[in-house]
C-alpha atoms as a PDB file:
ATOM      1  CA  MET A   1     -49.754  82.948 -12.464  1.00  0.00           C
ATOM      2  CA  SER A   2     -46.741  81.722 -14.376  1.00  0.00           C
ATOM      3  CA  GLU A   3     -43.178  82.720 -13.691  1.00  0.00           C
ATOM      4  CA  PRO A   4     -41.383  84.828 -16.265  1.00  0.00           C
ATOM      5  CA  SER A   5     -39.036  82.854 -18.442  1.00  0.00           C
ATOM      6  CA  PRO A   6     -35.278  83.519 -18.104  1.00  0.00           C
ATOM      7  CA  THR A   7     -35.187  84.557 -21.748  1.00  0.00           C
ATOM      8  CA  GLY A   8     -37.935  87.133 -21.281  1.00  0.00           C
ATOM      9  CA  SER A   9     -37.444  90.863 -20.920  1.00  0.00           C
ATOM     10  CA  ALA A  10     -36.828  90.635 -17.161  1.00  0.00           C
ATOM     11  CA  GLY A  11     -34.010  88.123 -17.704  1.00  0.00           C
ATOM     12  CA  THR A  12     -32.451  90.253 -20.429  1.00  0.00           C
ATOM     13  CA  ALA A  13     -32.483  93.413 -18.308  1.00  0.00           C
ATOM     14  CA  HIS A  14     -30.792  91.562 -15.475  1.00  0.00           C
ATOM     15  CA  ALA A  15     -28.135  90.144 -17.806  1.00  0.00           C
ATOM     16  CA  LEU A  16     -27.335  93.588 -19.243  1.00  0.00           C
ATOM     17  CA  HIS A  17     -26.673  95.178 -15.868  1.00  0.00           C
ATOM     18  CA  ALA A  18     -24.910  92.297 -14.157  1.00  0.00           C
ATOM     19  CA  PRO A  19     -21.149  92.818 -13.846  1.00  0.00           C
ATOM     20  CA  SER A  20     -19.237  90.287 -15.861  1.00  0.00           C
ATOM     21  CA  PRO A  21     -16.404  88.477 -14.072  1.00  0.00           C
ATOM     22  CA  ASP A  22     -13.977  88.882 -16.995  1.00  0.00           C
ATOM     23  CA  ARG A  23     -14.001  92.700 -16.863  1.00  0.00           C
ATOM     24  CA  HIS A  24     -10.922  94.132 -15.214  1.00  0.00           C
ATOM     25  CA  PRO A  25      -8.844  97.261 -15.760  1.00  0.00           C
ATOM     26  CA  ARG A  26      -6.349  96.959 -18.591  1.00  0.00           C
ATOM     27  CA  ARG A  27      -3.582  98.863 -16.787  1.00  0.00           C
ATOM     28  CA  PRO A  28      -0.441  96.868 -17.760  1.00  0.00           C
ATOM     29  CA  PRO A  29      -0.928  97.195 -21.544  1.00  0.00           C
ATOM     30  CA  LEU A  30      -1.603 100.927 -21.169  1.00  0.00           C
ATOM     31  CA  VAL A  31       1.540 101.322 -19.076  1.00  0.00           C
ATOM     32  CA  LEU A  32       3.568  99.458 -21.692  1.00  0.00           C
ATOM     33  CA  VAL A  33       2.240 101.621 -24.509  1.00  0.00           C
ATOM     34  CA  LEU A  34       2.900 104.862 -22.638  1.00  0.00           C
ATOM     35  CA  GLY A  35       6.353 103.678 -21.595  1.00  0.00           C
ATOM     36  CA  SER A  36       7.201 102.760 -25.181  1.00  0.00           C
ATOM     37  CA  LEU A  37       6.051 106.139 -26.454  1.00  0.00           C
ATOM     38  CA  THR A  38       8.090 107.886 -23.785  1.00  0.00           C
ATOM     39  CA  ALA A  39      11.223 105.911 -24.689  1.00  0.00           C
ATOM     40  CA  LEU A  40      10.802 106.435 -28.440  1.00  0.00           C
ATOM     41  CA  GLY A  41      12.186 109.997 -28.490  1.00  0.00           C
ATOM     42  CA  PRO A  42      15.461 109.293 -26.675  1.00  0.00           C
ATOM     43  CA  LEU A  43      15.913 106.064 -28.633  1.00  0.00           C
ATOM     44  CA  THR A  44      15.658 107.822 -31.995  1.00  0.00           C
ATOM     45  CA  ILE A  45      18.152 110.474 -30.889  1.00  0.00           C
ATOM     46  CA  ASP A  46      20.578 107.796 -29.707  1.00  0.00           C
ATOM     47  CA  LEU A  47      20.307 106.022 -33.044  1.00  0.00           C
ATOM     48  CA  TYR A  48      20.736 109.236 -35.045  1.00  0.00           C
ATOM     49  CA  LEU A  49      23.756 110.729 -33.225  1.00  0.00           C
ATOM     50  CA  PRO A  50      26.400 108.231 -34.430  1.00  0.00           C
ATOM     51  CA  ALA A  51      25.378 108.936 -38.044  1.00  0.00           C
ATOM     52  CA  LEU A  52      25.880 112.736 -37.823  1.00  0.00           C
ATOM     53  CA  PRO A  53      29.422 112.758 -39.297  1.00  0.00           C
ATOM     54  CA  GLN A  54      28.293 110.605 -42.231  1.00  0.00           C
ATOM     55  CA  VAL A  55      25.226 112.782 -42.815  1.00  0.00           C
ATOM     56  CA  SER A  56      27.332 115.967 -42.836  1.00  0.00           C
ATOM     57  CA  GLY A  57      29.745 114.377 -45.302  1.00  0.00           C
ATOM     58  CA  ASP A  58      26.943 113.184 -47.584  1.00  0.00           C
ATOM     59  CA  LEU A  59      25.265 116.601 -47.585  1.00  0.00           C
ATOM     60  CA  HIS A  60      28.600 118.509 -47.848  1.00  0.00           C
ATOM     61  CA  VAL A  61      27.803 120.735 -44.860  1.00  0.00           C
ATOM     62  CA  SER A  62      29.569 121.331 -41.577  1.00  0.00           C
ATOM     63  CA  GLN A  63      28.820 119.218 -38.521  1.00  0.00           C
ATOM     64  CA  ALA A  64      27.399 122.319 -36.817  1.00  0.00           C
ATOM     65  CA  VAL A  65      24.749 122.610 -39.521  1.00  0.00           C
ATOM     66  CA  THR A  66      23.998 118.908 -39.281  1.00  0.00           C
ATOM     67  CA  GLN A  67      23.539 119.202 -35.509  1.00  0.00           C
ATOM     68  CA  LEU A  68      20.670 121.634 -36.114  1.00  0.00           C
ATOM     69  CA  THR A  69      18.599 118.695 -37.314  1.00  0.00           C
END
């Protein structure tokens, strides 16, 4: 009897189910993405607030109306 070759079907099945050493959880990039998305809302508000007087002047409305945005 001859031994099955490593490129035969038995070798392929073993290679498909063997854990690869380069697989690891990608936690840090996910944490960075979620952290960035969480910080985006407060950042946009902080950038928008100093411009409220200029926006109310450009639109000829009161600052109270502009604050509704």
